Amino acid sequence: MIGGWELTALLLLAGLVWLWLDSLRARDAGIVAARRQCEREGLQLLDETVAIAKLRLARNDDGQLRLQRTYRFEYSDTGDNRRNGEVTLTGAEVVSLYTGPHVLH
């Protein structure tokens, strides 16, 4: 029979596994969004990845409480520089994406 301590540890472990898997899914969605935005604007996504910058609770459009993650990424508009962009997701849904001012080709 499982005692209170073991059950608590098991639930905590399950919660951490869920957070890890959910974070991987959100990160992948952030990479796809950043890549598509860079392609649309004729930019080069550097390192082909995003890095977590912020994690908080937020409500989605339906009023449900979800994890909101902001990821930073680097891109180049000239091929010689590095600029910063951000993509924010609530759950796996992109709610904002910013590449900032850059040189137009």
C-alpha atoms as a PDB file:
ATOM      1  CA  MET A   1       0.000   0.000   0.000  1.00  0.00           C
ATOM      2  CA  ILE A   2       1.260   3.486  -0.875  1.00  0.00           C
ATOM      3  CA  GLY A   3       1.616   5.885   2.037  1.00  0.00           C
ATOM      4  CA  GLY A   4       1.090   9.668   2.008  1.00  0.00           C
ATOM      5  CA  TRP A   5       4.769  10.474   1.479  1.00  0.00           C
ATOM      6  CA  GLU A   6       5.136   8.079  -1.442  1.00  0.00           C
ATOM      7  CA  LEU A   7       1.931   9.343  -3.052  1.00  0.00           C
ATOM      8  CA  THR A   8       3.089  12.953  -2.673  1.00  0.00           C
ATOM      9  CA  ALA A   9       6.478  12.107  -4.201  1.00  0.00           C
ATOM     10  CA  LEU A  10       4.801  10.240  -7.075  1.00  0.00           C
ATOM     11  CA  LEU A  11       2.441  13.154  -7.797  1.00  0.00           C
ATOM     12  CA  LEU A  12       5.328  15.625  -7.665  1.00  0.00           C
ATOM     13  CA  LEU A  13       7.344  13.481 -10.061  1.00  0.00           C
ATOM     14  CA  ALA A  14       4.357  13.188 -12.432  1.00  0.00           C
ATOM     15  CA  GLY A  15       3.922  16.985 -12.323  1.00  0.00           C
ATOM     16  CA  LEU A  16       7.580  17.552 -13.166  1.00  0.00           C
ATOM     17  CA  VAL A  17       7.419  15.104 -16.079  1.00  0.00           C
ATOM     18  CA  TRP A  18       4.289  16.872 -17.382  1.00  0.00           C
ATOM     19  CA  LEU A  19       6.006  20.291 -17.081  1.00  0.00           C
ATOM     20  CA  TRP A  20       9.069  19.014 -18.933  1.00  0.00           C
ATOM     21  CA  LEU A  21       7.041  17.481 -21.793  1.00  0.00           C
ATOM     22  CA  ASP A  22       4.777  20.544 -22.043  1.00  0.00           C
ATOM     23  CA  SER A  23       7.841  22.798 -22.133  1.00  0.00           C
ATOM     24  CA  LEU A  24       9.345  20.770 -24.981  1.00  0.00           C
ATOM     25  CA  ARG A  25       6.102  21.080 -26.958  1.00  0.00           C
ATOM     26  CA  ALA A  26       5.917  24.852 -26.357  1.00  0.00           C
ATOM     27  CA  ARG A  27       9.604  25.301 -27.246  1.00  0.00           C
ATOM     28  CA  ASP A  28       9.108  23.440 -30.513  1.00  0.00           C
ATOM     29  CA  ALA A  29       6.104  25.659 -31.321  1.00  0.00           C
ATOM     30  CA  GLY A  30       8.247  28.716 -30.541  1.00  0.00           C
ATOM     31  CA  ILE A  31      11.010  27.544 -32.885  1.00  0.00           C
ATOM     32  CA  VAL A  32       8.515  26.944 -35.703  1.00  0.00           C
ATOM     33  CA  ALA A  33       6.935  30.386 -35.184  1.00  0.00           C
ATOM     34  CA  ALA A  34      10.319  32.165 -35.101  1.00  0.00           C
ATOM     35  CA  ARG A  35      11.511  30.293 -38.197  1.00  0.00           C
ATOM     36  CA  ARG A  36       8.340  31.147 -40.160  1.00  0.00           C
ATOM     37  CA  GLN A  37       8.493  34.813 -39.163  1.00  0.00           C
ATOM     38  CA  CYS A  38      12.148  35.029 -40.199  1.00  0.00           C
ATOM     39  CA  GLU A  39      11.358  33.404 -43.550  1.00  0.00           C
ATOM     40  CA  ARG A  40       8.458  35.835 -44.145  1.00  0.00           C
ATOM     41  CA  GLU A  41      10.660  38.837 -43.407  1.00  0.00           C
ATOM     42  CA  GLY A  42      13.730  37.577 -45.257  1.00  0.00           C
ATOM     43  CA  LEU A  43      15.724  37.176 -42.041  1.00  0.00           C
ATOM     44  CA  GLN A  44      18.104  34.449 -40.959  1.00  0.00           C
ATOM     45  CA  LEU A  45      17.182  32.645 -37.724  1.00  0.00           C
ATOM     46  CA  LEU A  46      20.499  32.132 -35.964  1.00  0.00           C
ATOM     47  CA  ASP A  47      21.268  28.903 -34.096  1.00  0.00           C
ATOM     48  CA  GLU A  48      17.831  27.554 -35.174  1.00  0.00           C
ATOM     49  CA  THR A  49      16.599  27.655 -31.578  1.00  0.00           C
ATOM     50  CA  VAL A  50      14.865  29.697 -28.885  1.00  0.00           C
ATOM     51  CA  ALA A  51      15.749  30.141 -25.205  1.00  0.00           C
ATOM     52  CA  ILE A  52      13.292  30.550 -22.338  1.00  0.00           C
ATOM     53  CA  ALA A  53      13.277  34.091 -20.956  1.00  0.00           C
ATOM     54  CA  LYS A  54      10.109  34.197 -18.859  1.00  0.00           C
ATOM     55  CA  LEU A  55       7.572  31.758 -17.411  1.00  0.00           C
ATOM     56  CA  ARG A  56       4.334  32.792 -15.730  1.00  0.00           C
ATOM     57  CA  LEU A  57       0.663  31.941 -15.393  1.00  0.00           C
ATOM     58  CA  ALA A  58      -1.754  33.745 -17.718  1.00  0.00           C
ATOM     59  CA  ARG A  59      -5.300  33.335 -18.959  1.00  0.00           C
ATOM     60  CA  ASN A  60      -5.971  32.342 -22.555  1.00  0.00           C
ATOM     61  CA  ASP A  61      -8.810  33.752 -24.705  1.00  0.00           C
ATOM     62  CA  ASP A  62     -11.258  31.318 -23.069  1.00  0.00           C
ATOM     63  CA  GLY A  63     -10.288  32.490 -19.578  1.00  0.00           C
ATOM     64  CA  GLN A  64      -8.437  29.272 -18.722  1.00  0.00           C
ATOM     65  CA  LEU A  65      -5.269  29.520 -16.669  1.00  0.00           C
ATOM     66  CA  ARG A  66      -2.249  28.362 -18.697  1.00  0.00           C
ATOM     67  CA  LEU A  67       1.517  28.620 -18.571  1.00  0.00           C
ATOM     68  CA  GLN A  68       2.780  31.527 -20.617  1.00  0.00           C
ATOM     69  CA  ARG A  69       6.332  31.282 -21.854  1.00  0.00           C
ATOM     70  CA  THR A  70       8.409  33.949 -23.532  1.00  0.00           C
ATOM     71  CA  TYR A  71      11.334  32.740 -25.592  1.00  0.00           C
ATOM     72  CA  ARG A  72      14.148  34.836 -27.004  1.00  0.00           C
ATOM     73  CA  PHE A  73      15.900  34.095 -30.245  1.00  0.00           C
ATOM     74  CA  GLU A  74      18.541  35.715 -32.383  1.00  0.00           C
ATOM     75  CA  TYR A  75      18.282  36.559 -36.044  1.00  0.00           C
ATOM     76  CA  SER A  76      20.313  38.450 -38.612  1.00  0.00           C
ATOM     77  CA  ASP A  77      18.990  40.941 -41.118  1.00  0.00           C
ATOM     78  CA  THR A  78      22.310  41.505 -42.923  1.00  0.00           C
ATOM     79  CA  GLY A  79      24.195  38.257 -42.335  1.00  0.00           C
ATOM     80  CA  ASP A  80      26.844  40.133 -40.318  1.00  0.00           C
ATOM     81  CA  ASN A  81      24.959  40.934 -37.132  1.00  0.00           C
ATOM     82  CA  ARG A  82      22.864  39.456 -34.349  1.00  0.00           C
ATOM     83  CA  ARG A  83      19.525  40.934 -33.336  1.00  0.00           C
ATOM     84  CA  ASN A  84      17.094  39.801 -30.655  1.00  0.00           C
ATOM     85  CA  GLY A  85      13.525  38.667 -31.153  1.00  0.00           C
ATOM     86  CA  GLU A  86      10.872  37.300 -28.820  1.00  0.00           C
ATOM     87  CA  VAL A  87       8.001  34.881 -29.181  1.00  0.00           C
ATOM     88  CA  THR A  88       5.380  34.505 -26.444  1.00  0.00           C
ATOM     89  CA  LEU A  89       3.135  31.471 -26.185  1.00  0.00           C
ATOM     90  CA  THR A  90       0.212  30.726 -23.917  1.00  0.00           C
ATOM     91  CA  GLY A  91       0.168  26.952 -23.820  1.00  0.00           C
ATOM     92  CA  ALA A  92       1.328  26.088 -27.342  1.00  0.00           C
ATOM     93  CA  GLU A  93      -0.471  29.037 -28.971  1.00  0.00           C
ATOM     94  CA  VAL A  94       1.618  31.975 -30.173  1.00  0.00           C
ATOM     95  CA  VAL A  95       0.215  35.208 -28.712  1.00  0.00           C
ATOM     96  CA  SER A  96       2.968  37.580 -29.822  1.00  0.00           C
ATOM     97  CA  LEU A  97       6.103  37.572 -31.916  1.00  0.00           C
ATOM     98  CA  TYR A  98       8.536  40.465 -32.186  1.00  0.00           C
ATOM     99  CA  THR A  99      11.571  40.818 -34.433  1.00  0.00           C
ATOM    100  CA  GLY A 100      12.106  44.531 -33.961  1.00  0.00           C
ATOM    101  CA  PRO A 101      13.393  47.020 -36.481  1.00  0.00           C
ATOM    102  CA  HIS A 102      15.829  45.688 -39.056  1.00  0.00           C
ATOM    103  CA  VAL A 103      17.374  46.498 -42.419  1.00  0.00           C
ATOM    104  CA  LEU A 104      14.964  45.920 -45.314  1.00  0.00           C
ATOM    105  CA  HIS A 105      16.357  44.125 -48.364  1.00  0.00           C
END
